[in-house]
């Protein structure tokens, strides 16, 4: 089965391809010649994921899925949440976002956080959703060089290394995105 992952983010594409393995062929927006930026205009992860998948399905008529991921920090009342990718403003880098979080948490002992991913799949015009979440905490400094986004400051519960320090192979076994993708794979396996 061939599916389009509605993203321009090569890090996410590589991560999804790594998790999925040989189960399905995954293309991203660049692969299908879609270079438009699909704006995330809703206030929920599910809404943003669906918005991107619907855009691709409606314009190209291709079965596709999209995700939206948010880092929710308890001491920041769930922020950055749905605004995780642009928390430090527009334009901003992963570094800018991490620096803002670390600055806002300076001196705060409650560093509980969770990473959540929602995948929206449009398959033959029908919508399906898959979620994954992992609990953890925010470190006081960046650790590790693998991954992307907030990986250098997110320490998953039960581990002594951040996602970035664990490395891609270990991260892709336990991450929020991996959980959601495995649910997607299990569902798709029943459809073919």
Protein backbone atom coordinates (compact mmCIF):
# COMPACT_ATOMS: atom_id res chain seq x y z
CA UNK A 1 0.00 0.00 0.00
CA UNK A 2 1.23 3.48 -0.89
CA UNK A 3 0.42 6.35 1.46
CA UNK A 4 1.29 10.02 1.52
CA UNK A 5 2.45 11.50 4.81
CA UNK A 6 1.26 15.10 4.66
CA UNK A 7 4.45 16.78 5.85
CA UNK A 8 7.40 18.76 4.55
CA UNK A 9 9.41 17.81 7.64
CA UNK A 10 12.11 15.37 6.48
CA UNK A 11 12.94 14.43 10.12
CA UNK A 12 9.36 13.27 10.64
CA UNK A 13 9.32 11.47 7.30
CA UNK A 14 12.52 9.59 8.12
CA UNK A 15 11.23 8.71 11.59
CA UNK A 16 7.92 7.38 10.24
CA UNK A 17 9.66 5.39 7.51
CA UNK A 18 12.00 3.91 10.13
CA UNK A 19 9.09 2.89 12.37
CA UNK A 20 6.95 1.50 9.52
CA UNK A 21 9.80 -0.40 7.89
CA UNK A 22 8.71 -2.44 4.88
CA UNK A 23 5.02 -2.57 5.81
CA UNK A 24 4.01 0.28 3.48
CA UNK A 25 5.54 2.75 1.02
CA UNK A 26 5.51 6.26 2.44
CA UNK A 27 5.82 9.42 0.36
CA UNK A 28 5.83 12.96 1.72
CA UNK A 29 4.49 16.19 0.21
CA UNK A 30 7.69 16.88 -1.73
CA UNK A 31 7.47 13.43 -3.31
CA UNK A 32 4.04 14.24 -4.79
CA UNK A 33 5.00 17.76 -5.88
CA UNK A 34 3.08 19.58 -3.15
CA UNK A 35 5.13 22.54 -1.97
CA UNK A 36 2.36 24.61 -0.36
CA UNK A 37 2.54 25.24 3.37
CA UNK A 38 -0.61 23.84 4.92
CA UNK A 39 -1.36 26.13 7.83
CA UNK A 40 -2.34 24.64 11.17
CA UNK A 41 -5.26 26.86 12.14
CA UNK A 42 -7.18 24.80 14.70
CA UNK A 43 -6.60 24.75 18.45
CA UNK A 44 -6.29 20.95 18.79
CA UNK A 45 -3.76 18.35 17.68
CA UNK A 46 -6.54 16.28 16.12
CA UNK A 47 -7.91 19.27 14.23
CA UNK A 48 -4.54 20.23 12.78
CA UNK A 49 -3.73 16.65 11.77
CA UNK A 50 -7.09 16.32 10.02
CA UNK A 51 -6.73 19.70 8.30
CA UNK A 52 -3.47 18.65 6.64
CA UNK A 53 -4.71 15.20 5.62
CA UNK A 54 -7.94 16.63 4.19
CA UNK A 55 -6.02 19.20 2.17
CA UNK A 56 -3.92 16.54 0.47
CA UNK A 57 -6.82 14.14 -0.08
CA UNK A 58 -9.07 16.86 -1.51
CA UNK A 59 -6.38 18.31 -3.81
CA UNK A 60 -4.63 15.13 -4.96
CA UNK A 61 -7.18 12.36 -4.33
CA UNK A 62 -4.52 10.26 -2.62
CA UNK A 63 -4.91 8.21 0.56
CA UNK A 64 -2.89 10.06 3.16
CA UNK A 65 -2.21 10.68 6.80
CA UNK A 66 -0.87 13.54 8.81
CA UNK A 67 0.15 14.06 12.38
CA UNK A 68 0.32 16.83 14.87
CA UNK A 69 2.39 16.56 17.99
CA UNK A 70 2.46 18.64 21.12
CA UNK A 71 4.63 18.84 24.20
CA UNK A 72 2.46 19.53 27.23
CA UNK A 73 4.22 20.81 30.34
CA UNK A 74 2.27 20.72 33.59
CA UNK A 75 3.87 23.81 35.18
CA UNK A 76 3.11 25.82 32.01
CA UNK A 77 -0.59 24.85 32.06
CA UNK A 78 -0.13 22.46 29.14
CA UNK A 79 1.96 24.81 27.00
CA UNK A 80 3.40 24.74 24.44
CA UNK A 81 0.81 22.11 23.41
CA UNK A 82 -0.68 22.69 19.98
CA UNK A 83 1.79 25.57 19.47
CA UNK A 84 4.88 23.40 20.06
CA UNK A 85 6.36 23.89 16.58
CA UNK A 86 6.19 27.68 16.79
CA UNK A 87 6.32 28.28 20.53
CA UNK A 88 9.09 30.88 20.30
CA UNK A 89 7.25 32.78 17.56
CA UNK A 90 7.48 32.80 13.78
CA UNK A 91 9.93 32.06 12.37
CA UNK A 92 11.72 30.02 15.01
CA UNK A 93 14.03 27.03 15.25
CA UNK A 94 14.01 23.94 17.44
CA UNK A 95 16.72 25.66 19.49
CA UNK A 96 14.57 28.78 19.97
CA UNK A 97 11.66 26.66 21.22
CA UNK A 98 13.81 24.65 23.64
CA UNK A 99 15.48 27.79 24.95
CA UNK A 100 12.10 29.39 25.64
CA UNK A 101 10.89 26.32 27.55
CA UNK A 102 14.09 26.10 29.62
CA UNK A 103 13.89 29.81 30.42
CA UNK A 104 10.24 29.58 31.49
CA UNK A 105 10.97 26.58 33.72
CA UNK A 106 14.04 28.11 35.36
CA UNK A 107 13.70 27.65 39.11
CA UNK A 108 10.56 25.50 38.81
CA UNK A 109 10.80 22.05 40.37
CA UNK A 110 7.66 20.58 38.78
CA UNK A 111 8.98 19.59 35.38
CA UNK A 112 6.37 16.94 34.51
CA UNK A 113 5.55 16.81 30.82
CA UNK A 114 3.99 14.58 28.22
CA UNK A 115 4.44 14.27 24.48
CA UNK A 116 1.27 13.54 22.48
CA UNK A 117 0.81 12.67 18.81
CA UNK A 118 -2.45 12.42 16.90
CA UNK A 119 -2.47 10.87 13.43
CA UNK A 120 -5.36 11.57 11.07
CA UNK A 121 -5.74 9.05 8.24
CA UNK A 122 -7.97 9.54 5.23
CA UNK A 123 -8.41 6.21 3.49
CA UNK A 124 -10.82 6.05 0.56
CA UNK A 125 -12.54 9.18 1.87
CA UNK A 126 -13.04 7.87 5.42
CA UNK A 127 -11.39 9.49 8.47
CA UNK A 128 -9.60 7.59 11.24
CA UNK A 129 -7.55 8.81 14.21
CA UNK A 130 -4.70 7.20 16.15
CA UNK A 131 -3.08 8.61 19.29
CA UNK A 132 0.09 8.03 21.25
CA UNK A 133 1.36 9.66 24.44
CA UNK A 134 4.36 9.28 26.70
CA UNK A 135 4.93 10.79 30.14
CA UNK A 136 8.22 12.25 31.27
CA UNK A 137 9.83 15.47 32.40
CA UNK A 138 11.82 18.40 31.08
CA UNK A 139 15.53 18.40 31.89
CA UNK A 140 17.37 21.52 33.07
CA UNK A 141 19.76 21.39 30.11
CA UNK A 142 19.94 19.88 26.63
CA UNK A 143 21.35 16.36 26.35
CA UNK A 144 22.01 14.33 23.21
CA UNK A 145 22.26 15.07 19.52
CA UNK A 146 19.82 12.64 17.87
CA UNK A 147 16.21 13.35 16.99
CA UNK A 148 14.69 16.78 16.53
CA UNK A 149 12.32 19.23 18.16
CA UNK A 150 12.28 19.02 21.94
CA UNK A 151 14.09 15.64 22.03
CA UNK A 152 17.21 17.02 23.81
CA UNK A 153 15.15 18.25 26.80
CA UNK A 154 12.49 15.52 27.11
CA UNK A 155 13.34 12.71 29.53
CA UNK A 156 10.84 9.83 29.16
CA UNK A 157 9.57 8.31 32.39
CA UNK A 158 11.65 5.32 33.48
CA UNK A 159 14.71 6.35 31.43
CA UNK A 160 17.92 8.13 32.38
CA UNK A 161 18.50 9.63 28.92
CA UNK A 162 16.57 12.18 26.88
CA UNK A 163 15.03 11.17 23.56
CA UNK A 164 18.02 12.83 21.84
CA UNK A 165 20.51 10.89 23.98
CA UNK A 166 18.68 7.58 23.55
CA UNK A 167 19.18 7.73 19.80
CA UNK A 168 16.69 7.15 17.02
CA UNK A 169 16.45 3.35 17.31
CA UNK A 170 15.56 3.35 21.01
CA UNK A 171 13.38 6.45 20.76
CA UNK A 172 11.40 4.93 17.90
CA UNK A 173 10.51 1.96 20.09
CA UNK A 174 8.89 4.01 22.87
CA UNK A 175 7.93 7.45 21.58
CA UNK A 176 4.48 9.01 21.35
CA UNK A 177 4.78 9.04 17.55
CA UNK A 178 5.82 5.37 17.50
CA UNK A 179 2.75 4.44 19.58
CA UNK A 180 0.42 6.27 17.19
CA UNK A 181 2.18 4.85 14.11
CA UNK A 182 1.92 1.27 15.42
CA UNK A 183 -1.82 1.78 15.88
CA UNK A 184 -1.95 3.09 12.29
CA UNK A 185 0.01 0.07 11.00
CA UNK A 186 -2.23 -2.38 12.86
CA UNK A 187 -5.31 -0.72 11.40
CA UNK A 188 -3.92 -0.62 7.85
CA UNK A 189 -2.94 -4.29 8.10
CA UNK A 190 -6.63 -5.14 8.47
CA UNK A 191 -7.54 -3.09 5.39
CA UNK A 192 -5.30 -4.67 2.76
